Protein backbone atom coordinates (compact mmCIF):
# COMPACT_ATOMS: atom_id res chain seq x y z
CA MET A 1 91.94 170.86 112.79
CA SER A 2 91.39 169.80 116.38
CA SER A 3 94.28 168.42 118.38
CA ALA A 4 93.13 164.74 118.38
CA PRO A 5 92.98 164.35 114.56
CA HIS A 6 96.14 166.47 114.33
CA ALA A 7 98.00 164.15 116.70
CA ALA A 8 96.71 161.02 114.94
CA LEU A 9 97.78 162.35 111.53
CA VAL A 10 101.24 163.36 112.75
CA GLN A 11 101.65 159.92 114.34
CA ALA A 12 100.66 158.19 111.07
CA LEU A 13 103.07 160.40 109.11
CA ARG A 14 105.87 159.66 111.57
CA GLN A 15 105.27 155.92 111.42
CA ARG A 16 105.27 155.96 107.59
CA PHE A 17 108.40 158.15 107.60
CA GLU A 18 110.26 155.74 109.89
CA GLN A 19 109.16 152.65 107.92
CA ASN A 20 110.38 154.06 104.58
CA PRO A 21 113.81 155.69 105.09
CA GLN A 22 114.74 155.10 101.44
CA ARG A 23 112.31 157.86 100.46
CA HIS A 24 114.17 160.54 102.42
CA PRO A 25 117.81 159.56 103.05
CA GLY A 26 119.62 161.76 105.53
CA LEU A 27 116.46 163.50 106.72
CA ALA A 28 115.53 163.32 110.40
CA TRP A 29 111.95 163.23 111.64
CA THR A 30 112.68 166.21 113.90
CA ALA A 31 113.18 168.37 110.78
CA VAL A 32 109.88 167.14 109.33
CA ALA A 33 108.05 167.72 112.61
CA ALA A 34 109.43 171.26 112.78
CA ARG A 35 108.17 172.00 109.24
CA LEU A 36 104.74 170.59 110.11
CA GLN A 37 104.57 172.63 113.31
CA ALA A 38 105.52 175.77 111.38
CA SER A 39 102.84 175.09 108.72
CA PRO A 40 99.62 174.06 110.51
CA GLN A 41 97.54 174.98 107.43
CA LYS A 42 99.34 172.23 105.50
CA LEU A 43 98.08 169.62 107.97
CA ALA A 44 94.56 169.97 106.60
CA ALA A 45 95.84 169.19 103.09
CA LEU A 46 97.85 166.24 104.39
CA GLN A 47 94.72 165.02 106.21
CA GLU A 48 92.82 165.10 102.89
CA MET A 49 95.63 163.16 101.20
CA GLU A 50 95.50 160.59 104.00
CA LYS A 51 91.68 160.40 104.11
CA SER A 52 91.43 159.74 100.37
CA GLY A 53 93.92 156.85 100.53
CA GLY A 54 97.11 158.58 99.41
CA GLU A 55 99.42 157.50 102.25
CA PRO A 56 101.51 160.71 102.04
CA ASP A 57 105.20 160.59 102.91
CA VAL A 58 108.20 162.87 102.53
CA VAL A 59 110.10 162.11 99.34
CA GLY A 60 112.79 164.76 99.72
CA ALA A 61 113.37 168.47 99.47
CA ALA A 62 110.95 170.56 97.41
CA ASP A 63 113.38 173.45 97.03
CA GLY A 64 116.58 174.96 98.36
CA ASN A 65 114.75 176.88 101.10
CA GLY A 66 114.16 173.90 103.36
CA ALA A 67 110.68 173.02 102.09
CA LEU A 68 109.88 169.32 101.98
CA LEU A 69 107.83 167.51 99.37
CA PHE A 70 105.11 165.13 100.52
CA CYS A 71 103.73 162.78 97.85
CA ASP A 72 101.11 160.06 97.79
CA CYS A 73 102.99 156.82 98.31
CA ALA A 74 100.04 154.39 98.24
CA PRO A 75 100.86 151.40 96.01
CA GLU A 76 97.98 152.24 93.65
CA SER A 77 96.41 155.54 92.66
CA PRO A 78 94.40 156.65 95.72
CA LEU A 79 90.98 155.01 95.74
CA GLY A 80 89.25 158.14 97.00
CA ARG A 81 90.46 160.11 93.96
CA ARG A 82 89.56 157.92 90.99
CA SER A 83 86.97 158.17 88.22
CA LEU A 84 87.71 161.84 87.63
CA CYS A 85 88.26 163.62 84.34
CA TYR A 86 91.32 165.86 84.06
CA ASP A 87 90.06 169.43 84.67
CA GLU A 88 86.96 171.58 85.02
CA ALA A 89 86.89 172.49 81.31
CA ALA A 90 86.79 168.77 80.46
CA LEU A 91 84.06 168.18 83.05
CA LYS A 92 81.92 170.96 81.56
CA ALA A 93 82.51 169.62 78.03
CA ARG A 94 81.04 166.19 78.84
CA LYS A 95 77.49 165.99 77.59
CA GLU A 96 76.50 162.78 79.39
CA ASN A 97 77.83 160.30 81.94
CA LYS A 98 79.71 163.03 83.75
CA PRO A 99 82.12 161.94 86.47
CA ALA A 100 81.74 163.31 90.00
CA GLY A 101 84.49 165.86 89.38
CA SER A 102 87.91 166.55 87.99
CA ALA A 103 91.42 165.78 89.18
CA LEU A 104 92.55 169.41 89.08
CA GLY A 105 89.35 170.59 90.77
CA LEU A 106 89.64 168.09 93.61
CA ALA A 107 93.37 168.79 94.02
CA GLU A 108 92.62 172.50 94.37
CA ALA A 109 89.86 171.82 96.90
CA MET A 110 92.29 169.65 98.89
CA GLY A 111 95.02 172.31 98.80
CA VAL A 112 97.47 170.09 96.88
CA SER A 113 98.72 169.81 93.32
CA LEU A 114 98.96 167.00 90.82
CA LEU A 115 102.45 165.64 90.34
CA SER A 116 104.28 166.69 87.21
CA GLU A 117 105.52 163.96 84.90
CA ALA A 118 109.06 164.52 86.25
CA GLN A 119 107.88 164.25 89.88
CA TYR A 120 105.96 161.08 89.03
CA ARG A 121 109.12 159.54 87.53
CA GLU A 122 111.11 160.57 90.61
CA LEU A 123 108.50 158.97 92.86
CA GLN A 124 108.87 155.67 90.99
CA ALA A 125 112.52 155.58 92.09
CA PHE A 126 111.27 154.92 95.65
CA GLY A 127 109.16 151.87 94.86
CA GLU A 128 106.69 150.32 92.47
CA PHE A 129 103.56 152.43 92.11
CA ASP A 130 100.50 152.15 89.88
CA LEU A 131 101.12 148.59 88.73
CA LYS A 132 97.34 148.11 88.31
CA THR A 133 96.13 151.71 88.13
CA SER A 134 97.20 154.95 86.46
CA SER A 135 97.43 158.56 87.61
CA TRP A 136 96.73 161.84 85.87
CA VAL A 137 99.79 164.11 85.92
CA LEU A 138 100.00 167.82 85.13
CA ALA A 139 99.65 168.26 81.39
CA PRO A 140 102.13 170.70 79.85
CA ASP A 141 100.38 173.82 78.53
CA GLU A 142 101.17 172.91 74.92
CA ILE A 143 99.42 169.54 75.28
CA ARG A 144 96.40 170.93 77.11
CA ALA A 145 96.13 173.80 74.57
CA VAL A 146 95.45 171.28 71.79
CA GLY A 147 92.90 169.34 73.80
CA GLY A 148 95.04 166.67 75.43
CA ALA A 149 96.04 165.47 78.88
CA ILE A 150 98.58 162.92 80.11
CA PHE A 151 98.72 160.16 82.69
CA CYS A 152 101.37 157.73 83.88
CA ASP A 153 101.70 154.26 85.31
CA GLY A 154 104.41 151.78 86.18
CA ARG A 155 104.69 148.51 84.27
CA TYR A 156 107.49 146.06 83.51
CA GLY A 157 109.98 148.00 85.63
CA ARG A 158 109.39 151.22 83.64
CA VAL A 159 107.33 154.36 83.84
CA PHE A 160 104.99 154.94 80.93
CA THR A 161 103.42 158.25 79.96
CA TYR A 162 100.30 158.20 77.81
CA HIS A 163 97.89 160.72 76.36
CA ASN A 164 94.12 160.81 76.60
CA GLY A 165 91.27 163.22 76.13
CA PRO A 166 90.93 165.24 79.33
CA GLN A 167 87.21 164.43 79.53
CA SER A 168 87.89 160.70 79.85
CA TYR A 169 87.71 158.97 83.21
CA TYR A 170 88.20 155.41 84.40
CA ALA A 171 87.66 153.53 87.63
CA SER A 172 91.36 152.65 87.66
CA ARG A 173 92.68 156.19 87.04
CA GLY A 174 93.08 158.77 89.74
CA PHE A 175 95.79 161.23 90.63
CA ARG A 176 98.73 161.43 92.97
CA ALA A 177 99.15 164.63 94.92
CA GLY A 178 102.18 166.58 95.96
CA LEU A 179 102.43 169.14 98.76
CA ARG A 180 105.27 171.49 99.65
CA VAL A 181 105.62 171.88 103.42
């Protein structure tokens, strides 16, 4: 990533960080900037999150080793990541009207991961997300093994988890990404 896009991305991340302190209480931007500087390869993934409409921001620690978790904090599921089935197996299984791709496939190409159901619920503690859209979340192995997938949304002050066939796709369903930095 050249220095101009790098600087513009870091500035956008800093501005979002400073405007939303409730997402990362007690964390200073200097600590975030140090993690970003130490992980330049993660900037490309953050750029993809930003470019596809995710509005990534730090939502806390990813682990006890100092890693931070960036999540998509756009009010609705990112527009640039909608109308996707769940995974590559589901995409291959569709006989007609195939979507452009899959959520897991695009996440892998971006260098990010889908949020787990638990991470999605934690994200909802920082604001109201997906009031008009929904987001695929990582399906537990036991659900995917029997041909299912799950997605979440926020309605009526609650988080709802639903099931669907992994080959389904909708204009209002995308995915929210997470990235450890």
